[in-house]
Amino acid sequence: MALPVAFFAAFFAYPVAAIVARGLKVDGAWQFGRIAEVVSQPDIRHVLWFTTWQALASTALTLLIALPAAYVFARFDFPGKQVLRAVVTVPFVLPTVVAGTAFLALLGRGGLLDEMWGVRLDTTVWAILLAHVFFNYAVVVRTVGGLWSQLDPRQEEAARVLGASRFAAWRKVTLPALAPAVAAASLMVFLFTFTSFGIVQILGGPAYSTLEVEIYRQTSQIFDLSTAAVLTLVQFAAVGAILAVHAWTVRRRETALRLVDAASTTHRPRGSGQRALLGGVLLTIAALILLPLGVLVQRSFKGPDGYGFTYFRALTSADGGAFLVPPIDAVGNSLQYALAATAIAVLVGGLAAAALTRRAGRFVRGFDALLMLPLGVSAVTVGFGFLIALDEPPLDLRASWILVPLAQALVGVPFVVRTMLPVLRAVDERLREAAAVLGASPWRVWREVDLPMVRRALLVAAGFAFAVSLGEFGATVFIARPDNPTLPVAVARLLGRAGELNYGQAMALSTILMVVCAVSLLLLERVRTVSTASTGEF
């Protein structure tokens, strides 16, 4: 636990505390009376209510739509499965400003629905909910599907032989086994939607505002740091309470599971029911995932003189004043930052997950919840906190390139922990004990008992960390240097400048980001398939 505790203390707790102190401490005295003043305001109470309501609705809708896909990817074998799994994850790394713009083109004035049926959904809560499902679809598919693919199907088959219906067998055998993974996915979706910023700002209009949007408005537009600090504390307290409830409920459902090689659980769809389920999932992916992505690609190629590579060629030039370097340099920057952030997140998150598996005392159980806090604290607060806190020895990092990967790793670590923890806790403790009795050292026990069973989860976790690092925007926008922008920062800068050329370049960079992510995730799928197929310990 030493490294995870030190990492979160130095790069999360310290920066957040610094920015809160800057807002609530005046002339050396704490102004705690501001908390009651801010929370009692009617407009702030409305923001709190909407933030909570839309997060709950988004989480429920995402589970409803994505759980069938988790089953399809876990149990069915069909052509193009690996490519489709990578494509499904692409929306998760897109900057929110880009996805918001794509959904505006679909649902807003002059969009696809408006042209075909005269229907507009922008400035409505439905546009926000659909966009949240678009973002978080992969979280459920990968987190739940990763464990589902390793559950022994013979347990459910045994229940069917004993007279249980298909639904009863799933409800009484499979669902309890999946409960930790479903809870982990639900928690991640809720935290991401609870702190939603770009989607609500673009699609919701002035009528809807989350805590994250309000913190940004108070910080950058009104310059009221005290109100922003109070809202940060409120967000922090709400997320902390949610994580505490989650940790308590998950501990009550923990059981050892029989895990098998994922390759042995998949099969071709059988019968009309399974084919219909596969078809429904494919149609959902086409409408919810591929259509918005298609809009981005179409706009990146549609120039003032027709379709072509005008906007892509413009990315090789720094003319226009938005960057100190050509925008295309952001591709290499993003890949380097993402690889470094992934290494940090896997190391810190892997150690934390291994320690949490042992359940050694209240401190470790409490740290399980604390690890998720970076997903629930304002990225604006974290970004400003990095600038304020990490500018003096021994943590004078503002001029160092490592600052960006550190901020990205903060978001990646919770995904590593939540992906690996259900699988680690499902490993039967008697296997470890038997290896120890036979003389194996703790390191050899981990290498020969735990690692073969969790290798798949470890690769999924690395993929998640890499994906979220590629698309992290909230904190990176404050600390990325002008001569080393990341792809999301570059896209946001281009979208913030007037002119058709800047908008087209933003769409071109977004297309490149999608392709980079899809290729990276596809390579990960191939490596994962080879590693699990060649593992003889399953």
Protein backbone atom coordinates (compact mmCIF):
# COMPACT_ATOMS: atom_id res chain seq x y z
CA MET A 1 0.00 0.00 0.00
CA ALA A 2 2.99 2.35 0.41
CA LEU A 3 3.28 3.46 -3.21
CA PRO A 4 -0.48 3.96 -3.86
CA VAL A 5 -0.86 5.93 -0.61
CA ALA A 6 2.14 8.14 -1.41
CA PHE A 7 0.96 8.68 -5.00
CA PHE A 8 -2.54 9.81 -4.00
CA ALA A 9 -1.29 11.92 -1.11
CA ALA A 10 1.19 13.84 -3.27
CA PHE A 11 -0.73 14.15 -6.54
CA PHE A 12 -4.36 14.23 -5.45
CA ALA A 13 -4.94 15.14 -1.80
CA TYR A 14 -2.27 17.85 -1.68
CA PRO A 15 -3.30 19.73 -4.89
CA VAL A 16 -7.03 19.55 -4.08
CA ALA A 17 -6.42 20.77 -0.52
CA ALA A 18 -4.31 23.64 -1.88
CA ILE A 19 -7.01 24.93 -4.22
CA VAL A 20 -9.74 24.60 -1.56
CA ALA A 21 -7.58 26.50 0.92
CA ARG A 22 -7.00 29.23 -1.65
CA GLY A 23 -10.78 29.71 -1.95
CA LEU A 24 -11.86 29.41 1.70
CA LYS A 25 -8.90 30.89 3.57
CA VAL A 26 -8.84 34.69 3.80
CA ASP A 27 -6.06 36.48 5.71
CA GLY A 28 -5.11 33.23 7.42
CA ALA A 29 -8.64 32.51 8.69
CA TRP A 30 -10.99 29.82 7.35
CA GLN A 31 -14.33 31.12 6.10
CA PHE A 32 -16.50 28.03 6.76
CA GLY A 33 -19.61 30.20 6.92
CA ARG A 34 -19.48 30.38 3.13
CA ILE A 35 -20.54 26.73 2.94
CA ALA A 36 -24.00 27.41 4.39
CA GLU A 37 -24.36 30.60 2.33
CA VAL A 38 -23.62 28.87 -0.96
CA VAL A 39 -25.64 25.69 -0.33
CA SER A 40 -28.71 27.70 0.74
CA GLN A 41 -28.93 29.50 -2.60
CA PRO A 42 -31.93 28.24 -4.68
CA ASP A 43 -29.98 28.09 -7.94
CA ILE A 44 -27.22 25.99 -6.30
CA ARG A 45 -29.80 23.59 -4.83
CA HIS A 46 -31.27 23.19 -8.31
CA VAL A 47 -27.80 22.37 -9.66
CA LEU A 48 -27.32 19.76 -6.92
CA TRP A 49 -30.68 18.14 -7.68
CA PHE A 50 -30.13 18.00 -11.44
CA THR A 51 -26.58 16.68 -11.03
CA THR A 52 -27.80 13.77 -8.91
CA TRP A 53 -30.93 13.03 -10.94
CA GLN A 54 -29.25 12.94 -14.35
CA ALA A 55 -26.38 10.79 -13.01
CA LEU A 56 -28.81 8.18 -11.66
CA ALA A 57 -30.85 8.20 -14.88
CA SER A 58 -27.73 7.99 -17.06
CA THR A 59 -26.37 5.05 -15.05
CA ALA A 60 -29.65 3.12 -15.22
CA LEU A 61 -30.03 3.75 -18.96
CA THR A 62 -26.42 2.75 -19.65
CA LEU A 63 -26.85 -0.55 -17.76
CA LEU A 64 -30.12 -1.28 -19.54
CA ILE A 65 -28.59 -0.77 -22.99
CA ALA A 66 -25.05 -2.09 -22.40
CA LEU A 67 -25.60 -5.29 -20.34
CA PRO A 68 -26.95 -7.24 -23.37
CA ALA A 69 -23.81 -6.20 -25.25
CA ALA A 70 -21.63 -7.35 -22.35
CA TYR A 71 -23.24 -10.80 -22.65
CA VAL A 72 -22.83 -10.88 -26.44
CA PHE A 73 -19.13 -9.99 -26.29
CA ALA A 74 -18.54 -12.42 -23.42
CA ARG A 75 -20.36 -15.47 -24.78
CA PHE A 76 -20.73 -15.14 -28.57
CA ASP A 77 -18.10 -15.64 -31.23
CA PHE A 78 -18.83 -13.77 -34.47
CA PRO A 79 -16.83 -12.22 -37.35
CA GLY A 80 -15.34 -8.82 -36.57
CA LYS A 81 -15.75 -9.20 -32.80
CA GLN A 82 -12.30 -7.87 -31.91
CA VAL A 83 -12.61 -4.89 -34.25
CA LEU A 84 -16.08 -4.07 -32.92
CA ARG A 85 -14.89 -4.29 -29.31
CA ALA A 86 -12.17 -1.75 -30.09
CA VAL A 87 -14.62 0.54 -31.92
CA VAL A 88 -17.03 0.46 -28.98
CA THR A 89 -14.28 1.82 -26.72
CA VAL A 90 -13.42 4.76 -29.00
CA PRO A 91 -16.19 7.10 -27.68
CA PHE A 92 -14.79 6.75 -24.18
CA VAL A 93 -11.57 8.56 -25.13
CA LEU A 94 -13.11 11.34 -27.21
CA PRO A 95 -13.00 14.82 -25.68
CA THR A 96 -16.46 15.76 -24.46
CA VAL A 97 -16.47 18.89 -26.59
CA VAL A 98 -16.05 16.77 -29.73
CA ALA A 99 -18.74 14.24 -28.86
CA GLY A 100 -21.07 17.04 -27.80
CA THR A 101 -20.62 18.70 -31.16
CA ALA A 102 -21.29 15.40 -32.97
CA PHE A 103 -24.52 14.84 -31.04
CA LEU A 104 -25.53 18.44 -31.70
CA ALA A 105 -25.16 17.72 -35.41
CA LEU A 106 -27.41 14.70 -35.01
CA LEU A 107 -30.01 16.06 -32.61
CA GLY A 108 -29.89 19.85 -32.99
CA ARG A 109 -31.11 22.37 -35.53
CA GLY A 110 -30.33 21.15 -39.04
CA GLY A 111 -29.25 17.78 -37.69
CA LEU A 112 -30.16 14.35 -38.97
CA LEU A 113 -33.37 14.02 -36.92
CA ASP A 114 -34.42 17.57 -37.79
CA GLU A 115 -33.93 17.01 -41.52
CA MET A 116 -35.66 13.63 -41.63
CA TRP A 117 -38.52 14.01 -39.15
CA GLY A 118 -38.41 17.60 -37.90
CA VAL A 119 -37.43 16.46 -34.38
CA ARG A 120 -34.92 18.33 -32.22
CA LEU A 121 -33.58 17.04 -28.91
CA ASP A 122 -30.90 19.62 -28.13
CA THR A 123 -31.43 21.62 -24.92
CA THR A 124 -33.37 18.61 -23.57
CA VAL A 125 -32.34 16.09 -20.95
CA TRP A 126 -32.73 13.26 -23.49
CA ALA A 127 -29.78 14.53 -25.52
CA ILE A 128 -27.67 14.56 -22.34
CA LEU A 129 -28.71 11.04 -21.34
CA LEU A 130 -28.06 9.58 -24.81
CA ALA A 131 -24.65 11.23 -25.00
CA HIS A 132 -23.77 9.82 -21.57
CA VAL A 133 -24.72 6.32 -22.75
CA PHE A 134 -22.54 6.91 -25.84
CA PHE A 135 -19.57 7.68 -23.58
CA ASN A 136 -20.02 4.99 -20.95
CA TYR A 137 -21.22 2.07 -23.07
CA ALA A 138 -17.72 0.59 -23.14
CA VAL A 139 -17.35 0.80 -19.35
CA VAL A 140 -20.15 -1.73 -18.84
CA VAL A 141 -19.20 -3.88 -21.84
CA ARG A 142 -15.58 -4.24 -20.80
CA THR A 143 -15.89 -4.30 -17.00
CA VAL A 144 -18.85 -6.68 -16.79
CA GLY A 145 -18.03 -8.58 -19.97
CA GLY A 146 -14.44 -9.18 -18.83
CA LEU A 147 -15.62 -11.14 -15.78
CA TRP A 148 -18.64 -12.68 -17.52
CA SER A 149 -16.41 -14.27 -20.17
CA GLN A 150 -14.46 -16.11 -17.44
CA LEU A 151 -17.44 -17.46 -15.48
CA ASP A 152 -17.91 -21.18 -15.86
CA PRO A 153 -21.15 -21.60 -17.91
CA ARG A 154 -21.61 -25.12 -16.52
CA GLN A 155 -22.86 -23.66 -13.24
CA GLU A 156 -25.81 -22.04 -14.99
CA GLU A 157 -26.32 -25.17 -17.09
CA ALA A 158 -26.51 -27.25 -13.90
CA ALA A 159 -29.31 -25.00 -12.62
CA ARG A 160 -31.18 -25.50 -15.89
CA VAL A 161 -30.84 -29.29 -15.56
CA LEU A 162 -32.32 -29.05 -12.05
CA GLY A 163 -35.44 -27.38 -13.46
CA ALA A 164 -34.71 -23.66 -13.35
CA SER A 165 -35.85 -21.53 -16.26
CA ARG A 166 -33.25 -19.65 -18.30
CA PHE A 167 -34.07 -16.37 -16.54
CA ALA A 168 -34.17 -17.97 -13.07
CA ALA A 169 -30.80 -19.63 -13.64
CA TRP A 170 -29.31 -16.32 -14.74
CA ARG A 171 -30.86 -14.42 -11.82
CA LYS A 172 -29.86 -16.90 -9.10
CA VAL A 173 -26.50 -18.14 -10.41
CA THR A 174 -24.90 -15.71 -12.88
CA LEU A 175 -26.16 -12.36 -11.62
CA PRO A 176 -24.84 -12.82 -8.04
CA ALA A 177 -21.45 -13.77 -9.49
CA LEU A 178 -21.49 -10.68 -11.70
CA ALA A 179 -22.67 -8.36 -8.91
CA PRO A 180 -19.19 -6.98 -8.02
CA ALA A 181 -18.42 -6.20 -11.68
CA VAL A 182 -21.87 -4.66 -12.25
CA ALA A 183 -21.45 -2.57 -9.11
CA ALA A 184 -17.99 -1.44 -10.23
CA ALA A 185 -19.26 -0.47 -13.69
CA SER A 186 -22.27 1.34 -12.21
CA LEU A 187 -20.01 3.26 -9.87
CA MET A 188 -17.71 4.39 -12.67
CA VAL A 189 -20.61 5.43 -14.90
CA PHE A 190 -22.27 7.32 -12.05
CA LEU A 191 -19.08 9.18 -11.16
CA PHE A 192 -18.41 10.18 -14.75
CA THR A 193 -21.97 11.43 -15.28
CA PHE A 194 -22.08 13.06 -11.83
CA THR A 195 -19.08 15.19 -12.87
CA SER A 196 -20.21 15.67 -16.48
CA PHE A 197 -19.03 18.92 -18.02
CA GLY A 198 -18.70 19.18 -21.82
CA ILE A 199 -21.81 17.17 -22.68
CA VAL A 200 -24.08 19.19 -20.38
CA GLN A 201 -22.59 22.50 -21.44
CA ILE A 202 -23.00 21.84 -25.18
CA LEU A 203 -26.24 19.84 -25.31
CA GLY A 204 -28.05 21.09 -22.24
CA GLY A 205 -27.77 24.80 -22.89
CA PRO A 206 -28.32 27.35 -20.13
CA ALA A 207 -31.26 25.40 -18.67
CA TYR A 208 -29.09 22.56 -17.30
CA SER A 209 -25.97 22.77 -15.17
CA THR A 210 -24.07 20.12 -13.19
CA LEU A 211 -21.72 20.78 -10.30
CA GLU A 212 -18.77 20.50 -12.66
CA VAL A 213 -20.24 23.11 -15.04
CA GLU A 214 -21.01 25.42 -12.12
CA ILE A 215 -17.49 25.06 -10.68
CA TYR A 216 -16.03 25.96 -14.07
CA ARG A 217 -18.36 28.96 -14.39
CA GLN A 218 -17.55 30.23 -10.89
CA THR A 219 -13.81 29.75 -11.49
CA SER A 220 -13.20 30.98 -15.03
CA GLN A 221 -16.11 33.35 -15.70
CA ILE A 222 -17.15 34.89 -12.37
CA PHE A 223 -13.74 34.40 -10.65
CA ASP A 224 -15.46 33.47 -7.37
CA LEU A 225 -12.97 30.96 -5.94
CA SER A 226 -14.76 30.75 -2.60
CA THR A 227 -18.01 29.52 -4.20
CA ALA A 228 -16.04 27.13 -6.42
CA ALA A 229 -14.24 25.79 -3.34
CA VAL A 230 -17.54 25.19 -1.53
CA LEU A 231 -18.98 23.35 -4.54
CA THR A 232 -15.81 21.26 -4.71
CA LEU A 233 -16.25 20.26 -1.06
CA VAL A 234 -19.92 19.41 -1.67
CA GLN A 235 -18.95 17.26 -4.65
CA PHE A 236 -16.20 15.64 -2.62
CA ALA A 237 -18.57 14.83 0.27
CA ALA A 238 -21.27 13.41 -2.04
CA VAL A 239 -18.80 11.20 -3.89
CA GLY A 240 -17.25 10.05 -0.61
CA ALA A 241 -20.65 8.97 0.72
CA ILE A 242 -21.44 7.10 -2.50
CA LEU A 243 -18.09 5.29 -2.41
CA ALA A 244 -18.60 4.30 1.22
CA VAL A 245 -21.99 2.75 0.43
CA HIS A 246 -20.50 1.00 -2.61
CA ALA A 247 -17.62 -0.48 -0.59
CA TRP A 248 -20.04 -1.78 2.07
CA THR A 249 -22.42 -3.41 -0.42
CA VAL A 250 -19.63 -5.01 -2.47
CA ARG A 251 -18.01 -6.59 0.62
CA ARG A 252 -21.31 -8.26 1.48
CA ARG A 253 -21.45 -9.91 -1.96
CA GLU A 254 -17.85 -11.11 -2.31
CA THR A 255 -17.47 -14.82 -3.04
CA ALA A 256 -14.87 -17.05 -4.62
CA LEU A 257 -15.78 -17.94 -8.20
CA ARG A 258 -14.72 -20.66 -10.58
CA LEU A 259 -12.91 -18.86 -13.42
CA VAL A 260 -12.10 -20.54 -16.71
CA ASP A 261 -10.35 -19.62 -19.94
CA ALA A 262 -12.49 -17.07 -21.77
CA ALA A 263 -11.82 -18.81 -25.09
CA SER A 264 -13.66 -21.91 -23.84
CA THR A 265 -16.89 -20.04 -23.00
CA THR A 266 -17.64 -18.48 -26.39
CA HIS A 267 -19.67 -20.06 -29.17
CA ARG A 268 -21.49 -19.12 -32.34
CA PRO A 269 -25.04 -17.80 -31.78
CA ARG A 270 -27.51 -20.68 -31.65
CA GLY A 271 -31.17 -20.45 -32.47
CA SER A 272 -33.34 -17.50 -33.43
CA GLY A 273 -33.27 -15.96 -29.93
CA GLN A 274 -29.49 -15.64 -29.74
CA ARG A 275 -29.29 -14.41 -33.35
CA ALA A 276 -31.95 -11.80 -32.59
CA LEU A 277 -30.02 -10.69 -29.50
CA LEU A 278 -26.82 -10.35 -31.53
CA GLY A 279 -28.68 -8.42 -34.22
CA GLY A 280 -30.22 -6.08 -31.67
CA VAL A 281 -26.86 -5.35 -30.08
CA LEU A 282 -25.28 -4.69 -33.48
CA LEU A 283 -28.12 -2.30 -34.41
CA THR A 284 -27.73 -0.48 -31.09
CA ILE A 285 -23.99 -0.08 -31.65
CA ALA A 286 -24.62 1.19 -35.18
CA ALA A 287 -27.16 3.82 -34.07
CA LEU A 288 -25.59 4.87 -30.77
CA ILE A 289 -21.85 4.54 -31.48
CA LEU A 290 -21.11 4.41 -35.19
CA LEU A 291 -23.52 7.13 -36.33
CA PRO A 292 -22.04 9.94 -34.19
CA LEU A 293 -18.52 8.79 -35.08
CA GLY A 294 -19.51 8.77 -38.74
CA VAL A 295 -20.62 12.38 -38.49
CA LEU A 296 -17.17 13.37 -37.21
CA VAL A 297 -15.41 11.51 -40.03
CA GLN A 298 -17.74 12.99 -42.65
CA ARG A 299 -17.12 16.54 -41.44
CA SER A 300 -13.35 16.03 -41.34
CA PHE A 301 -13.30 15.27 -45.08
CA LYS A 302 -15.93 17.80 -46.21
CA GLY A 303 -13.98 20.94 -47.08
CA PRO A 304 -15.06 24.22 -48.70
CA ASP A 305 -14.38 22.77 -52.17
CA GLY A 306 -15.94 19.36 -51.57
CA TYR A 307 -14.60 16.19 -50.04
CA GLY A 308 -10.84 15.84 -49.71
CA PHE A 309 -7.85 16.10 -47.36
CA THR A 310 -7.81 19.89 -47.05
CA TYR A 311 -8.19 19.92 -43.27
CA PHE A 312 -5.71 17.08 -42.74
CA ARG A 313 -3.03 18.92 -44.77
CA ALA A 314 -3.65 22.06 -42.73
CA LEU A 315 -2.69 20.15 -39.56
CA THR A 316 0.96 20.09 -40.68
CA SER A 317 1.26 23.88 -40.49
CA ALA A 318 1.44 26.09 -37.39
CA ASP A 319 0.02 29.07 -39.26
CA GLY A 320 -3.07 30.58 -37.71
CA GLY A 321 -1.75 31.34 -34.23
CA ALA A 322 -3.55 28.63 -32.27
CA PHE A 323 -0.34 26.62 -31.63
CA LEU A 324 3.38 27.11 -31.31
CA VAL A 325 3.85 23.85 -33.24
CA PRO A 326 1.87 22.15 -36.02
CA PRO A 327 -1.32 20.58 -34.59
CA ILE A 328 -0.29 17.19 -35.97
CA ASP A 329 2.48 17.09 -33.31
CA ALA A 330 -0.27 16.51 -30.75
CA VAL A 331 -0.55 12.90 -31.99
CA GLY A 332 2.97 11.99 -30.90
CA ASN A 333 2.60 13.94 -27.66
CA SER A 334 -0.61 12.12 -26.75
CA LEU A 335 0.86 8.68 -27.42
CA GLN A 336 3.95 9.38 -25.31
CA TYR A 337 1.92 10.83 -22.44
CA ALA A 338 -0.61 7.98 -22.60
CA LEU A 339 2.06 5.27 -22.50
CA ALA A 340 3.73 6.88 -19.48
CA ALA A 341 0.36 7.38 -17.74
CA THR A 342 -0.60 3.76 -18.42
CA ALA A 343 2.62 2.47 -16.87
CA ILE A 344 2.04 4.61 -13.78
CA ALA A 345 -1.64 3.65 -13.50
CA VAL A 346 -0.99 -0.10 -13.90
CA LEU A 347 1.81 -0.03 -11.33
CA VAL A 348 -0.08 2.02 -8.73
CA GLY A 349 -3.49 0.45 -9.43
CA GLY A 350 -2.13 -3.09 -9.60
CA LEU A 351 -0.40 -2.76 -6.23
CA ALA A 352 -3.52 -1.23 -4.70
CA ALA A 353 -5.77 -3.99 -6.07
CA ALA A 354 -3.41 -6.71 -4.81
CA ALA A 355 -3.35 -5.13 -1.34
CA LEU A 356 -7.13 -4.67 -1.25
CA THR A 357 -7.59 -8.37 -2.04
CA ARG A 358 -6.05 -9.26 1.32
CA ARG A 359 -8.64 -7.10 3.22
CA ALA A 360 -6.09 -6.21 5.88
CA GLY A 361 -7.92 -3.91 8.27
CA ARG A 362 -10.11 -0.85 8.15
CA PHE A 363 -7.46 1.37 6.58
CA VAL A 364 -7.22 -0.81 3.48
CA ARG A 365 -11.02 -1.10 3.18
CA GLY A 366 -11.35 2.67 3.44
CA PHE A 367 -8.66 3.18 0.83
CA ASP A 368 -10.74 1.07 -1.56
CA ALA A 369 -13.28 3.90 -1.64
CA LEU A 370 -10.70 6.69 -1.66
CA LEU A 371 -9.11 5.30 -4.83
CA MET A 372 -12.27 6.28 -6.75
CA LEU A 373 -12.31 9.91 -5.61
CA PRO A 374 -10.36 11.27 -8.64
CA LEU A 375 -13.34 10.28 -10.81
CA GLY A 376 -15.70 12.27 -8.60
CA VAL A 377 -13.69 15.43 -7.94
CA SER A 378 -13.78 18.31 -10.39
CA ALA A 379 -11.07 18.07 -13.04
CA VAL A 380 -10.99 21.87 -12.97
CA THR A 381 -10.04 21.69 -9.28
CA VAL A 382 -7.34 19.08 -9.91
CA GLY A 383 -5.86 21.07 -12.81
CA PHE A 384 -5.70 24.34 -10.87
CA GLY A 385 -4.42 22.43 -7.86
CA PHE A 386 -1.48 21.07 -9.86
CA LEU A 387 -0.52 24.59 -10.92
CA ILE A 388 -0.78 25.98 -7.39
CA ALA A 389 0.68 23.12 -5.34
CA LEU A 390 3.36 21.54 -7.52
CA ASP A 391 5.54 24.62 -8.00
CA GLU A 392 7.93 24.37 -5.05
CA PRO A 393 10.59 21.82 -4.03
CA PRO A 394 10.52 18.91 -3.51
CA LEU A 395 7.55 18.75 -5.95
CA ASP A 396 8.45 21.52 -8.38
CA LEU A 397 7.06 19.82 -11.48
CA ARG A 398 5.33 22.61 -13.40
CA ALA A 399 8.10 22.68 -16.00
CA SER A 400 8.40 18.89 -16.23
CA TRP A 401 6.79 16.75 -18.94
CA ILE A 402 5.80 14.14 -16.31
CA LEU A 403 3.10 16.46 -14.93
CA VAL A 404 0.65 15.55 -17.70
CA PRO A 405 1.03 11.73 -17.33
CA LEU A 406 0.64 12.10 -13.56
CA ALA A 407 -2.68 13.92 -14.01
CA GLN A 408 -3.83 11.35 -16.57
CA ALA A 409 -2.79 8.44 -14.34
CA LEU A 410 -5.00 9.80 -11.54
CA VAL A 411 -8.01 9.02 -13.73
CA GLY A 412 -6.58 5.72 -14.96
CA VAL A 413 -5.80 4.19 -11.55
CA PRO A 414 -9.48 3.78 -10.51
CA PHE A 415 -10.17 1.87 -13.72
CA VAL A 416 -7.22 -0.43 -13.13
CA VAL A 417 -8.38 -1.12 -9.56
CA ARG A 418 -12.06 -1.62 -10.42
CA THR A 419 -11.22 -3.91 -13.37
CA MET A 420 -8.72 -6.11 -11.52
CA LEU A 421 -10.34 -6.24 -8.09
CA PRO A 422 -13.40 -8.42 -8.91
CA VAL A 423 -11.18 -11.00 -10.62
CA LEU A 424 -8.54 -10.98 -7.87
CA ARG A 425 -11.18 -11.40 -5.20
CA ALA A 426 -12.77 -14.23 -7.17
CA VAL A 427 -9.56 -16.32 -6.98
CA ASP A 428 -10.04 -19.05 -4.40
CA GLU A 429 -7.78 -18.30 -1.42
CA ARG A 430 -7.20 -22.04 -0.96
CA LEU A 431 -5.15 -22.08 -4.16
CA ARG A 432 -2.74 -19.53 -2.71
CA GLU A 433 -2.61 -21.41 0.60
CA ALA A 434 -1.89 -24.70 -1.15
CA ALA A 435 0.97 -23.15 -3.11
CA ALA A 436 2.40 -21.65 0.08
CA VAL A 437 2.19 -25.00 1.89
CA LEU A 438 4.14 -26.58 -0.97
CA GLY A 439 6.95 -24.09 -0.37
CA ALA A 440 6.22 -21.31 -2.87
CA SER A 441 7.33 -17.81 -1.88
CA PRO A 442 4.74 -14.97 -1.94
CA TRP A 443 6.18 -13.73 -5.24
CA ARG A 444 5.98 -17.21 -6.78
CA VAL A 445 2.41 -17.62 -5.51
CA TRP A 446 1.47 -14.37 -7.26
CA ARG A 447 3.33 -15.34 -10.44
CA GLU A 448 1.96 -18.88 -10.77
CA VAL A 449 -1.48 -18.66 -9.13
CA ASP A 450 -2.81 -15.12 -9.38
CA LEU A 451 -1.16 -13.83 -12.54
CA PRO A 452 -2.40 -16.53 -14.97
CA MET A 453 -5.97 -15.90 -13.79
CA VAL A 454 -5.81 -12.11 -13.78
CA ARG A 455 -3.64 -11.60 -16.88
CA ARG A 456 -6.74 -10.94 -18.97
CA ALA A 457 -8.06 -8.42 -16.44
CA LEU A 458 -4.62 -6.78 -16.26
CA LEU A 459 -4.57 -6.23 -20.02
CA VAL A 460 -8.14 -4.91 -19.96
CA ALA A 461 -7.11 -2.54 -17.17
CA ALA A 462 -4.10 -1.36 -19.18
CA GLY A 463 -6.36 -0.76 -22.16
CA PHE A 464 -8.72 1.31 -20.05
CA ALA A 465 -5.85 3.33 -18.58
CA PHE A 466 -4.41 3.99 -22.03
CA ALA A 467 -7.82 4.97 -23.40
CA VAL A 468 -8.71 7.41 -20.64
CA SER A 469 -5.20 8.92 -20.82
CA LEU A 470 -5.60 9.58 -24.54
CA GLY A 471 -8.90 11.38 -23.98
CA GLU A 472 -8.31 13.13 -20.63
CA PHE A 473 -9.07 16.80 -21.02
CA GLY A 474 -10.33 18.45 -17.82
CA ALA A 475 -7.04 18.63 -15.92
CA THR A 476 -4.67 18.38 -18.89
CA VAL A 477 -5.98 21.59 -20.47
CA PHE A 478 -4.54 23.57 -17.55
CA ILE A 479 -1.09 21.94 -17.41
CA ALA A 480 -0.23 20.93 -21.01
CA ARG A 481 2.48 23.21 -22.38
CA PRO A 482 1.65 25.26 -25.51
CA ASP A 483 4.50 23.59 -27.40
CA ASN A 484 3.39 20.08 -26.34
CA PRO A 485 -0.42 19.93 -26.63
CA THR A 486 -2.32 16.67 -26.40
CA LEU A 487 -4.97 15.70 -28.95
CA PRO A 488 -7.98 16.65 -26.77
CA VAL A 489 -6.39 20.01 -25.86
CA ALA A 490 -5.59 20.70 -29.50
CA VAL A 491 -9.16 19.87 -30.53
CA ALA A 492 -10.61 22.14 -27.85
CA ARG A 493 -8.35 25.02 -28.90
CA LEU A 494 -9.37 24.68 -32.53
CA LEU A 495 -13.07 24.47 -31.64
CA GLY A 496 -12.70 27.61 -29.55
CA ARG A 497 -11.49 29.64 -32.54
CA ALA A 498 -13.79 31.04 -35.17
CA GLY A 499 -13.53 30.01 -38.77
CA GLU A 500 -14.34 27.03 -40.96
CA LEU A 501 -10.69 26.01 -41.25
CA ASN A 502 -10.25 25.73 -37.48
CA TYR A 503 -13.47 23.74 -37.13
CA GLY A 504 -12.46 21.40 -39.94
CA GLN A 505 -9.03 20.85 -38.40
CA ALA A 506 -10.72 20.02 -35.09
CA MET A 507 -12.80 17.37 -36.84
CA ALA A 508 -9.69 16.04 -38.61
CA LEU A 509 -7.78 15.78 -35.32
CA SER A 510 -10.79 14.06 -33.76
CA THR A 511 -10.79 11.52 -36.58
CA ILE A 512 -7.08 10.88 -36.02
CA LEU A 513 -7.73 10.43 -32.29
CA MET A 514 -10.45 7.89 -33.08
CA VAL A 515 -8.19 5.95 -35.43
CA VAL A 516 -5.26 5.95 -32.99
CA CYS A 517 -7.50 4.70 -30.21
CA ALA A 518 -9.16 2.03 -32.37
CA VAL A 519 -5.80 0.70 -33.64
CA SER A 520 -4.31 0.67 -30.14
CA LEU A 521 -7.28 -1.15 -28.68
CA LEU A 522 -7.34 -3.62 -31.58
CA LEU A 523 -3.68 -4.45 -30.94
CA LEU A 524 -4.51 -4.92 -27.28
CA GLU A 525 -7.32 -7.31 -28.21
CA ARG A 526 -4.91 -9.40 -30.31
CA VAL A 527 -2.27 -9.48 -27.58
CA ARG A 528 -4.89 -10.42 -24.99
CA THR A 529 -6.27 -13.21 -27.19
CA VAL A 530 -2.80 -14.66 -27.80
CA SER A 531 -1.81 -14.44 -24.13
CA THR A 532 -4.97 -16.10 -22.84
CA ALA A 533 -4.89 -18.79 -25.52
CA SER A 534 -1.28 -19.68 -24.76
CA THR A 535 -1.73 -19.81 -20.99
CA GLY A 536 -1.68 -23.41 -19.82
CA GLU A 537 -2.61 -22.77 -16.20
CA PHE A 538 -6.33 -22.15 -16.86
